[in-house]
């Protein structure tokens, strides 16, 4: 597996500092602002000196704490999932603790994803050996519940998200449909919903809570059209993708309007942005490019800083981190990108 990162690797901690999680071949690194809006500290290794496989998942709970999940090799030649919690950007994350494997003694089966419920409990989801979806979550009073098979078929990739209601939703792409599981009540085990019969371009799933009632799923089809979908209606075409790879999404205030902001590395190599009023896909949107040309494989992330200004970050395959903030003026213009 490659250095896949599932989830938003740029987050704002409870103290307002921005932090990032960076993949390497055998570890997860983290960096944070020393003070909100100030200089950044050097990268440090998360979770102690344990050796990991490349790639990880990250999720942030309503309490602001981040949860990391990754695979690590076992002495028998297989792999097991491990979990770490990060309480403050400038404090070290907790040591990696085992979550096990849905198929007991086996190798890696897929990229893990994590969502955090309103009680701060991590819910881990991963494709199992049968190409369905398995989950395991933390108990209310410590410890772990047993692995549970959510089923599913021919799953290719997963994402998980916690809605504004506090309920967790899970989406999976298969060759002929998008599969969905959702909690009917916070704390309950997710149940399967009707699949959406579409064909998607691999690696393009993204999800964003857009109201108390809804999470909006974004995906691209093989022809390069980007769609937004909420389960109470059919998918809506937004605009052609700016380039290959995933789209990053953020809900934010732009000039007093509740907006959904999208960002993606464009075909030219620059970062492209588009925005529209949240849940008003018919309003129309278009891409505007920003910053330098960046190499293939560059990751893009969005967050809001301690003053709620939009912040965009890019991470190139060689580990170079660049950050740009929205200017303090109307519109969505960004300040100059800077390397940190």
C-alpha atoms as a PDB file:
ATOM      1  CA  UNK A   1       0.000   0.000   0.000  1.00  0.00           C
ATOM      2  CA  UNK A   2       1.094   3.569  -0.662  1.00  0.00           C
ATOM      3  CA  UNK A   3       1.174   6.452   1.801  1.00  0.00           C
ATOM      4  CA  UNK A   4      -2.574   6.955   1.753  1.00  0.00           C
ATOM      5  CA  UNK A   5      -4.090   9.419   4.211  1.00  0.00           C
ATOM      6  CA  UNK A   6      -7.825   8.972   4.867  1.00  0.00           C
ATOM      7  CA  UNK A   7      -9.451  11.972   6.518  1.00  0.00           C
ATOM      8  CA  UNK A   8      -8.470  15.601   6.929  1.00  0.00           C
ATOM      9  CA  UNK A   9      -4.779  15.758   7.860  1.00  0.00           C
ATOM     10  CA  UNK A  10      -4.970  19.521   8.610  1.00  0.00           C
ATOM     11  CA  UNK A  11      -6.886  20.249  11.829  1.00  0.00           C
ATOM     12  CA  UNK A  12      -7.435  23.012  14.366  1.00  0.00           C
ATOM     13  CA  UNK A  13      -6.909  21.910  17.942  1.00  0.00           C
ATOM     14  CA  UNK A  14      -8.917  23.006  20.956  1.00  0.00           C
ATOM     15  CA  UNK A  15      -6.331  25.683  21.716  1.00  0.00           C
ATOM     16  CA  UNK A  16      -6.660  27.211  18.236  1.00  0.00           C
ATOM     17  CA  UNK A  17      -3.328  25.961  16.925  1.00  0.00           C
ATOM     18  CA  UNK A  18      -3.279  24.326  13.506  1.00  0.00           C
ATOM     19  CA  UNK A  19      -1.657  20.921  13.222  1.00  0.00           C
ATOM     20  CA  UNK A  20      -0.852  18.524  10.404  1.00  0.00           C
ATOM     21  CA  UNK A  21      -0.278  14.768  10.203  1.00  0.00           C
ATOM     22  CA  UNK A  22       2.287  13.611   7.664  1.00  0.00           C
ATOM     23  CA  UNK A  23       2.838  10.081   6.286  1.00  0.00           C
ATOM     24  CA  UNK A  24       6.188   8.350   5.931  1.00  0.00           C
ATOM     25  CA  UNK A  25       7.062   4.779   4.996  1.00  0.00           C
ATOM     26  CA  UNK A  26       7.091   3.577   8.612  1.00  0.00           C
ATOM     27  CA  UNK A  27       5.590   6.282  10.847  1.00  0.00           C
ATOM     28  CA  UNK A  28       3.141   9.160  11.222  1.00  0.00           C
ATOM     29  CA  UNK A  29       4.675  12.569  11.827  1.00  0.00           C
ATOM     30  CA  UNK A  30       2.921  15.606  13.248  1.00  0.00           C
ATOM     31  CA  UNK A  31       3.635  19.315  13.287  1.00  0.00           C
ATOM     32  CA  UNK A  32       1.813  22.221  14.910  1.00  0.00           C
ATOM     33  CA  UNK A  33       1.889  25.984  15.196  1.00  0.00           C
ATOM     34  CA  UNK A  34       3.757  27.161  18.286  1.00  0.00           C
ATOM     35  CA  UNK A  35       1.071  29.807  18.732  1.00  0.00           C
ATOM     36  CA  UNK A  36      -2.066  30.346  16.653  1.00  0.00           C
ATOM     37  CA  UNK A  37      -1.017  31.958  13.395  1.00  0.00           C
ATOM     38  CA  UNK A  38       2.661  31.792  14.345  1.00  0.00           C
ATOM     39  CA  UNK A  39       5.699  29.742  13.317  1.00  0.00           C
ATOM     40  CA  UNK A  40       5.561  25.946  13.166  1.00  0.00           C
ATOM     41  CA  UNK A  41       7.523  23.428  15.187  1.00  0.00           C
ATOM     42  CA  UNK A  42       9.631  20.739  13.542  1.00  0.00           C
ATOM     43  CA  UNK A  43       8.051  17.355  12.669  1.00  0.00           C
ATOM     44  CA  UNK A  44       7.857  14.775  15.433  1.00  0.00           C
ATOM     45  CA  UNK A  45       6.910  11.112  15.387  1.00  0.00           C
ATOM     46  CA  UNK A  46       3.419  10.229  16.644  1.00  0.00           C
ATOM     47  CA  UNK A  47       2.744   7.371  19.002  1.00  0.00           C
ATOM     48  CA  UNK A  48       6.271   6.401  20.049  1.00  0.00           C
ATOM     49  CA  UNK A  49       8.866   4.339  18.199  1.00  0.00           C
ATOM     50  CA  UNK A  50       6.656   1.569  16.857  1.00  0.00           C
ATOM     51  CA  UNK A  51       7.149   0.700  13.193  1.00  0.00           C
ATOM     52  CA  UNK A  52       4.060   1.212  11.051  1.00  0.00           C
ATOM     53  CA  UNK A  53       3.053   0.412   7.523  1.00  0.00           C
ATOM     54  CA  UNK A  54       2.697   3.378   5.179  1.00  0.00           C
ATOM     55  CA  UNK A  55      -0.607   5.248   5.304  1.00  0.00           C
ATOM     56  CA  UNK A  56      -3.080   6.056   8.068  1.00  0.00           C
ATOM     57  CA  UNK A  57      -6.537   7.403   8.855  1.00  0.00           C
ATOM     58  CA  UNK A  58      -7.360  10.457  10.965  1.00  0.00           C
ATOM     59  CA  UNK A  59     -10.600  11.772  12.427  1.00  0.00           C
ATOM     60  CA  UNK A  60     -11.422  14.629  14.785  1.00  0.00           C
ATOM     61  CA  UNK A  61     -14.190  14.533  17.338  1.00  0.00           C
ATOM     62  CA  UNK A  62     -16.536  17.305  18.474  1.00  0.00           C
ATOM     63  CA  UNK A  63     -14.226  17.680  21.493  1.00  0.00           C
ATOM     64  CA  UNK A  64     -11.394  18.739  19.172  1.00  0.00           C
ATOM     65  CA  UNK A  65      -9.229  15.704  19.868  1.00  0.00           C
ATOM     66  CA  UNK A  66      -7.705  13.822  16.933  1.00  0.00           C
ATOM     67  CA  UNK A  67      -7.725  10.035  16.555  1.00  0.00           C
ATOM     68  CA  UNK A  68      -5.219   8.202  14.356  1.00  0.00           C
ATOM     69  CA  UNK A  69      -5.416   4.626  13.043  1.00  0.00           C
ATOM     70  CA  UNK A  70      -2.767   2.718  11.127  1.00  0.00           C
ATOM     71  CA  UNK A  71      -1.511  -0.774  10.340  1.00  0.00           C
ATOM     72  CA  UNK A  72       1.606  -2.172  11.982  1.00  0.00           C
ATOM     73  CA  UNK A  73       3.420  -5.435  11.157  1.00  0.00           C
ATOM     74  CA  UNK A  74       3.090  -8.403  13.515  1.00  0.00           C
ATOM     75  CA  UNK A  75       5.853 -10.887  14.409  1.00  0.00           C
ATOM     76  CA  UNK A  76       3.972 -13.616  12.512  1.00  0.00           C
ATOM     77  CA  UNK A  77       4.222 -11.689   9.261  1.00  0.00           C
ATOM     78  CA  UNK A  78       0.690 -10.284   9.259  1.00  0.00           C
ATOM     79  CA  UNK A  79      -0.624  -6.907  10.332  1.00  0.00           C
ATOM     80  CA  UNK A  80      -2.849  -5.398  13.005  1.00  0.00           C
ATOM     81  CA  UNK A  81      -4.559  -2.071  13.388  1.00  0.00           C
ATOM     82  CA  UNK A  82      -3.407   0.391  16.042  1.00  0.00           C
ATOM     83  CA  UNK A  83      -4.922   3.582  17.429  1.00  0.00           C
ATOM     84  CA  UNK A  84      -3.611   6.757  19.034  1.00  0.00           C
ATOM     85  CA  UNK A  85      -5.336   9.817  20.500  1.00  0.00           C
ATOM     86  CA  UNK A  86      -3.895  13.325  20.247  1.00  0.00           C
ATOM     87  CA  UNK A  87      -5.283  15.777  22.817  1.00  0.00           C
ATOM     88  CA  UNK A  88      -3.309  18.961  22.085  1.00  0.00           C
ATOM     89  CA  UNK A  89      -1.267  19.979  19.026  1.00  0.00           C
ATOM     90  CA  UNK A  90       1.901  20.649  21.064  1.00  0.00           C
ATOM     91  CA  UNK A  91       1.606  17.525  23.228  1.00  0.00           C
ATOM     92  CA  UNK A  92       2.747  14.151  21.971  1.00  0.00           C
ATOM     93  CA  UNK A  93      -0.037  11.778  20.878  1.00  0.00           C
ATOM     94  CA  UNK A  94      -0.591   8.734  23.090  1.00  0.00           C
ATOM     95  CA  UNK A  95       1.303   5.552  22.289  1.00  0.00           C
ATOM     96  CA  UNK A  96      -0.186   3.279  19.648  1.00  0.00           C
ATOM     97  CA  UNK A  97      -2.555   0.698  21.164  1.00  0.00           C
ATOM     98  CA  UNK A  98      -3.808  -2.417  19.327  1.00  0.00           C
ATOM     99  CA  UNK A  99      -7.248  -2.577  17.719  1.00  0.00           C
ATOM    100  CA  UNK A 100      -6.604  -6.011  16.207  1.00  0.00           C
ATOM    101  CA  UNK A 101      -7.665  -7.330  12.795  1.00  0.00           C
ATOM    102  CA  UNK A 102     -11.197  -8.155  11.559  1.00  0.00           C
ATOM    103  CA  UNK A 103      -9.871 -11.469  10.194  1.00  0.00           C
ATOM    104  CA  UNK A 104      -7.573 -12.207  13.146  1.00  0.00           C
ATOM    105  CA  UNK A 105      -4.274 -13.417  11.646  1.00  0.00           C
ATOM    106  CA  UNK A 106      -3.968 -11.805   8.223  1.00  0.00           C
ATOM    107  CA  UNK A 107      -2.183  -9.105   6.252  1.00  0.00           C
ATOM    108  CA  UNK A 108      -3.534  -5.623   5.542  1.00  0.00           C
ATOM    109  CA  UNK A 109      -6.935  -5.634   3.884  1.00  0.00           C
ATOM    110  CA  UNK A 110      -7.541  -1.950   3.101  1.00  0.00           C
ATOM    111  CA  UNK A 111      -6.955   1.613   4.219  1.00  0.00           C
ATOM    112  CA  UNK A 112      -8.500   2.215   7.672  1.00  0.00           C
ATOM    113  CA  UNK A 113     -10.764   5.187   8.380  1.00  0.00           C
ATOM    114  CA  UNK A 114     -11.933   6.588  11.718  1.00  0.00           C
ATOM    115  CA  UNK A 115     -14.837   8.726  12.897  1.00  0.00           C
ATOM    116  CA  UNK A 116     -15.350  10.050  16.433  1.00  0.00           C
ATOM    117  CA  UNK A 117     -18.767  10.241  18.077  1.00  0.00           C
ATOM    118  CA  UNK A 118     -20.177  12.924  20.386  1.00  0.00           C
ATOM    119  CA  UNK A 119     -18.798  11.064  23.419  1.00  0.00           C
ATOM    120  CA  UNK A 120     -15.263  11.135  22.012  1.00  0.00           C
ATOM    121  CA  UNK A 121     -15.169   7.417  21.163  1.00  0.00           C
ATOM    122  CA  UNK A 122     -13.290   6.289  18.072  1.00  0.00           C
ATOM    123  CA  UNK A 123     -15.122   4.123  15.525  1.00  0.00           C
ATOM    124  CA  UNK A 124     -12.722   2.345  13.172  1.00  0.00           C
ATOM    125  CA  UNK A 125     -13.836   1.002   9.789  1.00  0.00           C
ATOM    126  CA  UNK A 126     -11.818  -1.092   7.357  1.00  0.00           C
ATOM    127  CA  UNK A 127     -12.358  -3.358   4.388  1.00  0.00           C
ATOM    128  CA  UNK A 128     -12.099  -7.002   5.443  1.00  0.00           C
ATOM    129  CA  UNK A 129     -10.745 -10.046   3.647  1.00  0.00           C
ATOM    130  CA  UNK A 130     -14.127 -10.719   2.029  1.00  0.00           C
ATOM    131  CA  UNK A 131     -14.147  -7.122   0.619  1.00  0.00           C
ATOM    132  CA  UNK A 132     -16.992  -6.122   2.906  1.00  0.00           C
ATOM    133  CA  UNK A 133     -16.691  -3.596   5.748  1.00  0.00           C
ATOM    134  CA  UNK A 134     -15.835  -4.380   9.363  1.00  0.00           C
ATOM    135  CA  UNK A 135     -15.930  -2.003  12.322  1.00  0.00           C
ATOM    136  CA  UNK A 136     -14.722  -1.821  15.885  1.00  0.00           C
ATOM    137  CA  UNK A 137     -15.260   0.979  18.373  1.00  0.00           C
ATOM    138  CA  UNK A 138     -14.274   2.098  21.843  1.00  0.00           C
ATOM    139  CA  UNK A 139     -16.658   1.319  24.702  1.00  0.00           C
ATOM    140  CA  UNK A 140     -18.263   4.077  26.737  1.00  0.00           C
ATOM    141  CA  UNK A 141     -16.307   3.170  29.865  1.00  0.00           C
ATOM    142  CA  UNK A 142     -13.046   1.992  28.345  1.00  0.00           C
ATOM    143  CA  UNK A 143     -11.961  -0.984  26.312  1.00  0.00           C
ATOM    144  CA  UNK A 144     -13.162  -2.102  22.898  1.00  0.00           C
ATOM    145  CA  UNK A 145     -16.303  -3.693  21.560  1.00  0.00           C
ATOM    146  CA  UNK A 146     -15.898  -6.791  19.432  1.00  0.00           C
ATOM    147  CA  UNK A 147     -15.407  -6.597  15.677  1.00  0.00           C
ATOM    148  CA  UNK A 148     -18.661  -6.396  13.739  1.00  0.00           C
ATOM    149  CA  UNK A 149     -19.174  -7.203  10.064  1.00  0.00           C
ATOM    150  CA  UNK A 150     -21.297  -4.532   8.371  1.00  0.00           C
ATOM    151  CA  UNK A 151     -21.221  -6.673   5.214  1.00  0.00           C
ATOM    152  CA  UNK A 152     -21.079  -5.074   1.783  1.00  0.00           C
ATOM    153  CA  UNK A 153     -19.532  -6.466  -1.384  1.00  0.00           C
ATOM    154  CA  UNK A 154     -16.557  -5.659  -3.615  1.00  0.00           C
ATOM    155  CA  UNK A 155     -15.656  -2.592  -1.538  1.00  0.00           C
ATOM    156  CA  UNK A 156     -12.832  -0.569  -3.053  1.00  0.00           C
ATOM    157  CA  UNK A 157     -12.477   2.360  -0.650  1.00  0.00           C
ATOM    158  CA  UNK A 158     -14.090   3.856   2.450  1.00  0.00           C
ATOM    159  CA  UNK A 159     -14.731   7.175   4.139  1.00  0.00           C
ATOM    160  CA  UNK A 160     -16.419   7.898   7.483  1.00  0.00           C
ATOM    161  CA  UNK A 161     -17.841  11.131   8.842  1.00  0.00           C
ATOM    162  CA  UNK A 162     -19.614  12.382  11.972  1.00  0.00           C
ATOM    163  CA  UNK A 163     -22.616  14.541  11.124  1.00  0.00           C
ATOM    164  CA  UNK A 164     -23.795  17.634  12.946  1.00  0.00           C
ATOM    165  CA  UNK A 165     -26.388  15.413  14.616  1.00  0.00           C
ATOM    166  CA  UNK A 166     -23.575  13.406  16.198  1.00  0.00           C
ATOM    167  CA  UNK A 167     -24.415  10.329  14.137  1.00  0.00           C
ATOM    168  CA  UNK A 168     -21.698   8.558  12.166  1.00  0.00           C
ATOM    169  CA  UNK A 169     -22.072   7.694   8.492  1.00  0.00           C
ATOM    170  CA  UNK A 170     -19.873   5.410   6.402  1.00  0.00           C
ATOM    171  CA  UNK A 171     -19.621   5.391   2.609  1.00  0.00           C
ATOM    172  CA  UNK A 172     -17.948   2.783   0.423  1.00  0.00           C
ATOM    173  CA  UNK A 173     -17.313   2.652  -3.309  1.00  0.00           C
ATOM    174  CA  UNK A 174     -17.900  -0.570  -5.225  1.00  0.00           C
ATOM    175  CA  UNK A 175     -17.626  -1.094  -9.003  1.00  0.00           C
ATOM    176  CA  UNK A 176     -21.346  -0.433  -9.540  1.00  0.00           C
ATOM    177  CA  UNK A 177     -22.612   1.537  -6.523  1.00  0.00           C
ATOM    178  CA  UNK A 178     -21.913   3.695  -3.499  1.00  0.00           C
ATOM    179  CA  UNK A 179     -22.764   1.813  -0.305  1.00  0.00           C
ATOM    180  CA  UNK A 180     -23.857   3.648   2.823  1.00  0.00           C
ATOM    181  CA  UNK A 181     -24.261   2.791   6.508  1.00  0.00           C
ATOM    182  CA  UNK A 182     -25.597   5.211   9.118  1.00  0.00           C
ATOM    183  CA  UNK A 183     -26.380   5.390  12.820  1.00  0.00           C
ATOM    184  CA  UNK A 184     -30.079   5.741  13.499  1.00  0.00           C
ATOM    185  CA  UNK A 185     -29.192   7.104  16.945  1.00  0.00           C
ATOM    186  CA  UNK A 186     -25.841   8.225  18.426  1.00  0.00           C
ATOM    187  CA  UNK A 187     -24.036   5.260  19.939  1.00  0.00           C
ATOM    188  CA  UNK A 188     -25.955   2.686  17.906  1.00  0.00           C
ATOM    189  CA  UNK A 189     -24.333   0.331  15.419  1.00  0.00           C
ATOM    190  CA  UNK A 190     -24.540   1.664  11.834  1.00  0.00           C
ATOM    191  CA  UNK A 191     -27.119  -0.020   9.595  1.00  0.00           C
ATOM    192  CA  UNK A 192     -27.104  -0.370   5.822  1.00  0.00           C
ATOM    193  CA  UNK A 193     -29.075   2.007   3.607  1.00  0.00           C
ATOM    194  CA  UNK A 194     -30.071   1.535  -0.012  1.00  0.00           C
ATOM    195  CA  UNK A 195     -27.038   1.774  -2.314  1.00  0.00           C
ATOM    196  CA  UNK A 196     -26.695   4.481  -4.942  1.00  0.00           C
ATOM    197  CA  UNK A 197     -26.227   2.762  -8.330  1.00  0.00           C
ATOM    198  CA  UNK A 198     -23.448   4.832  -9.914  1.00  0.00           C
ATOM    199  CA  UNK A 199     -19.930   4.277 -11.205  1.00  0.00           C
ATOM    200  CA  UNK A 200     -17.286   6.500  -9.625  1.00  0.00           C
ATOM    201  CA  UNK A 201     -13.674   7.320 -10.290  1.00  0.00           C
ATOM    202  CA  UNK A 202     -11.581   5.574  -7.589  1.00  0.00           C
ATOM    203  CA  UNK A 203     -10.116   7.836  -4.943  1.00  0.00           C
ATOM    204  CA  UNK A 204     -12.638  10.668  -5.262  1.00  0.00           C
ATOM    205  CA  UNK A 205     -14.980  10.147  -2.293  1.00  0.00           C
ATOM    206  CA  UNK A 206     -15.353  13.066   0.149  1.00  0.00           C
ATOM    207  CA  UNK A 207     -18.068  13.846   2.698  1.00  0.00           C
ATOM    208  CA  UNK A 208     -19.098  16.966   4.607  1.00  0.00           C
ATOM    209  CA  UNK A 209     -21.794  17.651   7.226  1.00  0.00           C
ATOM    210  CA  UNK A 210     -23.898  20.381   5.607  1.00  0.00           C
ATOM    211  CA  UNK A 211     -26.831  20.691   8.057  1.00  0.00           C
ATOM    212  CA  UNK A 212     -28.304  19.047  11.155  1.00  0.00           C
ATOM    213  CA  UNK A 213     -30.183  16.666   8.874  1.00  0.00           C
ATOM    214  CA  UNK A 214     -27.703  15.967   6.114  1.00  0.00           C
ATOM    215  CA  UNK A 215     -24.213  14.957   5.166  1.00  0.00           C
ATOM    216  CA  UNK A 216     -23.317  15.645   1.542  1.00  0.00           C
ATOM    217  CA  UNK A 217     -21.193  13.137  -0.346  1.00  0.00           C
ATOM    218  CA  UNK A 218     -18.958  14.286  -3.192  1.00  0.00           C
ATOM    219  CA  UNK A 219     -17.569  12.016  -5.901  1.00  0.00           C
ATOM    220  CA  UNK A 220     -16.379  12.133  -9.510  1.00  0.00           C
ATOM    221  CA  UNK A 221     -17.499   9.832 -12.291  1.00  0.00           C
ATOM    222  CA  UNK A 222     -15.073   8.251 -14.800  1.00  0.00           C
ATOM    223  CA  UNK A 223     -15.877  11.021 -17.308  1.00  0.00           C
ATOM    224  CA  UNK A 224     -14.566  13.673 -14.906  1.00  0.00           C
ATOM    225  CA  UNK A 225     -17.788  15.253 -13.634  1.00  0.00           C
ATOM    226  CA  UNK A 226     -17.988  16.097  -9.930  1.00  0.00           C
ATOM    227  CA  UNK A 227     -21.273  15.299  -8.138  1.00  0.00           C
ATOM    228  CA  UNK A 228     -22.873  16.114  -4.790  1.00  0.00           C
ATOM    229  CA  UNK A 229     -25.348  13.639  -3.273  1.00  0.00           C
ATOM    230  CA  UNK A 230     -27.621  13.590  -0.250  1.00  0.00           C
ATOM    231  CA  UNK A 231     -29.722  10.466   0.327  1.00  0.00           C
ATOM    232  CA  UNK A 232     -33.054  12.313   0.166  1.00  0.00           C
ATOM    233  CA  UNK A 233     -32.478  13.294  -3.489  1.00  0.00           C
ATOM    234  CA  UNK A 234     -30.565  12.214  -6.571  1.00  0.00           C
ATOM    235  CA  UNK A 235     -26.959  13.215  -7.300  1.00  0.00           C
ATOM    236  CA  UNK A 236     -26.428  16.731  -8.665  1.00  0.00           C
ATOM    237  CA  UNK A 237     -23.675  17.511 -11.166  1.00  0.00           C
ATOM    238  CA  UNK A 238     -21.527  20.403  -9.931  1.00  0.00           C
ATOM    239  CA  UNK A 239     -18.768  21.022 -12.475  1.00  0.00           C
ATOM    240  CA  UNK A 240     -15.946  19.108 -14.195  1.00  0.00           C
ATOM    241  CA  UNK A 241     -13.121  18.186 -11.847  1.00  0.00           C
ATOM    242  CA  UNK A 242     -10.103  20.485 -11.854  1.00  0.00           C
ATOM    243  CA  UNK A 243      -7.725  17.541 -12.105  1.00  0.00           C
ATOM    244  CA  UNK A 244      -7.193  13.955 -10.978  1.00  0.00           C
ATOM    245  CA  UNK A 245      -7.414  12.818  -7.388  1.00  0.00           C
ATOM    246  CA  UNK A 246      -9.591  13.671  -4.404  1.00  0.00           C
ATOM    247  CA  UNK A 247     -11.483  16.889  -3.756  1.00  0.00           C
ATOM    248  CA  UNK A 248     -11.158  18.441  -0.289  1.00  0.00           C
ATOM    249  CA  UNK A 249     -14.280  20.074   1.163  1.00  0.00           C
ATOM    250  CA  UNK A 250     -14.913  22.568   3.976  1.00  0.00           C
ATOM    251  CA  UNK A 251     -18.016  24.354   5.252  1.00  0.00           C
ATOM    252  CA  UNK A 252     -17.226  27.963   6.114  1.00  0.00           C
ATOM    253  CA  UNK A 253     -18.517  31.535   6.219  1.00  0.00           C
ATOM    254  CA  UNK A 254     -17.693  33.682   3.191  1.00  0.00           C
ATOM    255  CA  UNK A 255     -18.840  37.288   3.478  1.00  0.00           C
ATOM    256  CA  UNK A 256     -21.675  36.330   5.807  1.00  0.00           C
ATOM    257  CA  UNK A 257     -22.882  33.383   3.703  1.00  0.00           C
ATOM    258  CA  UNK A 258     -22.820  29.703   4.711  1.00  0.00           C
ATOM    259  CA  UNK A 259     -20.723  28.199   1.903  1.00  0.00           C
ATOM    260  CA  UNK A 260     -19.189  24.908   0.863  1.00  0.00           C
ATOM    261  CA  UNK A 261     -15.600  25.318  -0.304  1.00  0.00           C
ATOM    262  CA  UNK A 262     -13.894  22.767  -2.557  1.00  0.00           C
ATOM    263  CA  UNK A 263     -10.183  22.488  -3.310  1.00  0.00           C
ATOM    264  CA  UNK A 264      -8.258  20.159  -5.619  1.00  0.00           C
ATOM    265  CA  UNK A 265      -4.887  19.982  -7.318  1.00  0.00           C
ATOM    266  CA  UNK A 266      -5.665  20.987 -10.887  1.00  0.00           C
ATOM    267  CA  UNK A 267      -4.375  19.485 -14.117  1.00  0.00           C
ATOM    268  CA  UNK A 268      -1.922  22.412 -14.302  1.00  0.00           C
ATOM    269  CA  UNK A 269      -0.477  21.467 -10.903  1.00  0.00           C
ATOM    270  CA  UNK A 270      -1.829  24.522  -9.073  1.00  0.00           C
ATOM    271  CA  UNK A 271      -4.519  24.387  -6.362  1.00  0.00           C
ATOM    272  CA  UNK A 272      -8.021  25.132  -7.662  1.00  0.00           C
ATOM    273  CA  UNK A 273     -10.836  26.461  -5.454  1.00  0.00           C
ATOM    274  CA  UNK A 274     -14.601  26.635  -5.963  1.00  0.00           C
ATOM    275  CA  UNK A 275     -17.406  27.642  -3.586  1.00  0.00           C
ATOM    276  CA  UNK A 276     -21.196  27.754  -3.517  1.00  0.00           C
ATOM    277  CA  UNK A 277     -23.963  28.341  -0.928  1.00  0.00           C
ATOM    278  CA  UNK A 278     -24.214  25.197   1.183  1.00  0.00           C
ATOM    279  CA  UNK A 279     -26.787  22.695  -0.116  1.00  0.00           C
ATOM    280  CA  UNK A 280     -27.643  25.023  -3.025  1.00  0.00           C
ATOM    281  CA  UNK A 281     -25.911  23.132  -5.800  1.00  0.00           C
ATOM    282  CA  UNK A 282     -27.981  24.837  -8.501  1.00  0.00           C
ATOM    283  CA  UNK A 283     -26.385  28.204  -7.660  1.00  0.00           C
ATOM    284  CA  UNK A 284     -23.404  27.343  -9.853  1.00  0.00           C
ATOM    285  CA  UNK A 285     -19.655  27.385  -9.192  1.00  0.00           C
ATOM    286  CA  UNK A 286     -16.339  27.547 -11.025  1.00  0.00           C
ATOM    287  CA  UNK A 287     -12.670  26.843 -10.342  1.00  0.00           C
ATOM    288  CA  UNK A 288     -10.100  29.560  -9.564  1.00  0.00           C
ATOM    289  CA  UNK A 289      -6.437  28.527  -9.366  1.00  0.00           C
ATOM    290  CA  UNK A 290      -3.887  29.706  -6.813  1.00  0.00           C
ATOM    291  CA  UNK A 291      -0.261  29.210  -5.874  1.00  0.00           C
ATOM    292  CA  UNK A 292       2.697  27.515  -7.560  1.00  0.00           C
ATOM    293  CA  UNK A 293       2.657  24.429  -9.765  1.00  0.00           C
ATOM    294  CA  UNK A 294       2.963  21.355  -7.561  1.00  0.00           C
ATOM    295  CA  UNK A 295       4.048  17.815  -8.480  1.00  0.00           C
ATOM    296  CA  UNK A 296       1.732  14.871  -9.024  1.00  0.00           C
ATOM    297  CA  UNK A 297       0.755  13.229  -5.750  1.00  0.00           C
ATOM    298  CA  UNK A 298       0.469  16.528  -3.849  1.00  0.00           C
ATOM    299  CA  UNK A 299      -2.222  16.448  -1.156  1.00  0.00           C
ATOM    300  CA  UNK A 300      -4.507  19.403  -0.455  1.00  0.00           C
ATOM    301  CA  UNK A 301      -6.307  20.147   2.837  1.00  0.00           C
ATOM    302  CA  UNK A 302      -8.616  22.841   4.191  1.00  0.00           C
ATOM    303  CA  UNK A 303      -9.358  24.079   7.711  1.00  0.00           C
ATOM    304  CA  UNK A 304     -10.196  27.251   9.639  1.00  0.00           C
ATOM    305  CA  UNK A 305      -7.726  28.889  12.004  1.00  0.00           C
ATOM    306  CA  UNK A 306      -8.249  30.363  15.459  1.00  0.00           C
ATOM    307  CA  UNK A 307      -9.937  33.431  13.924  1.00  0.00           C
ATOM    308  CA  UNK A 308     -12.098  31.273  11.593  1.00  0.00           C
ATOM    309  CA  UNK A 309     -10.134  32.326   8.532  1.00  0.00           C
ATOM    310  CA  UNK A 310      -9.921  29.689   5.815  1.00  0.00           C
ATOM    311  CA  UNK A 311      -6.515  28.016   5.630  1.00  0.00           C
ATOM    312  CA  UNK A 312      -5.338  25.838   2.742  1.00  0.00           C
ATOM    313  CA  UNK A 313      -2.349  23.505   2.970  1.00  0.00           C
ATOM    314  CA  UNK A 314      -0.462  21.396   0.438  1.00  0.00           C
ATOM    315  CA  UNK A 315       1.892  18.518   1.058  1.00  0.00           C
ATOM    316  CA  UNK A 316       4.140  17.371  -1.794  1.00  0.00           C
ATOM    317  CA  UNK A 317       5.487  13.809  -2.035  1.00  0.00           C
ATOM    318  CA  UNK A 318       8.904  14.978  -0.780  1.00  0.00           C
ATOM    319  CA  UNK A 319       7.280  16.285   2.433  1.00  0.00           C
ATOM    320  CA  UNK A 320       7.234  20.033   1.658  1.00  0.00           C
ATOM    321  CA  UNK A 321       4.373  21.734   3.511  1.00  0.00           C
ATOM    322  CA  UNK A 322       2.913  25.006   2.209  1.00  0.00           C
ATOM    323  CA  UNK A 323       0.156  27.066   3.820  1.00  0.00           C
ATOM    324  CA  UNK A 324      -1.979  29.983   2.640  1.00  0.00           C
ATOM    325  CA  UNK A 325      -4.625  31.954   4.577  1.00  0.00           C
ATOM    326  CA  UNK A 326      -7.609  33.851   3.275  1.00  0.00           C
ATOM    327  CA  UNK A 327      -7.015  37.585   3.075  1.00  0.00           C
ATOM    328  CA  UNK A 328      -8.881  39.835   5.481  1.00  0.00           C
ATOM    329  CA  UNK A 329     -11.061  41.290   2.724  1.00  0.00           C
ATOM    330  CA  UNK A 330     -14.258  40.351   0.858  1.00  0.00           C
ATOM    331  CA  UNK A 331     -14.114  37.345  -1.427  1.00  0.00           C
ATOM    332  CA  UNK A 332     -11.934  34.262  -1.240  1.00  0.00           C
ATOM    333  CA  UNK A 333      -8.524  35.673  -2.199  1.00  0.00           C
ATOM    334  CA  UNK A 334      -5.590  34.038  -0.417  1.00  0.00           C
ATOM    335  CA  UNK A 335      -2.421  35.528   0.938  1.00  0.00           C
ATOM    336  CA  UNK A 336       0.842  34.339  -0.593  1.00  0.00           C
ATOM    337  CA  UNK A 337       1.616  30.656  -0.111  1.00  0.00           C
ATOM    338  CA  UNK A 338       4.518  30.081   2.246  1.00  0.00           C
ATOM    339  CA  UNK A 339       6.632  27.053   3.024  1.00  0.00           C
ATOM    340  CA  UNK A 340       6.633  26.051   6.714  1.00  0.00           C
END
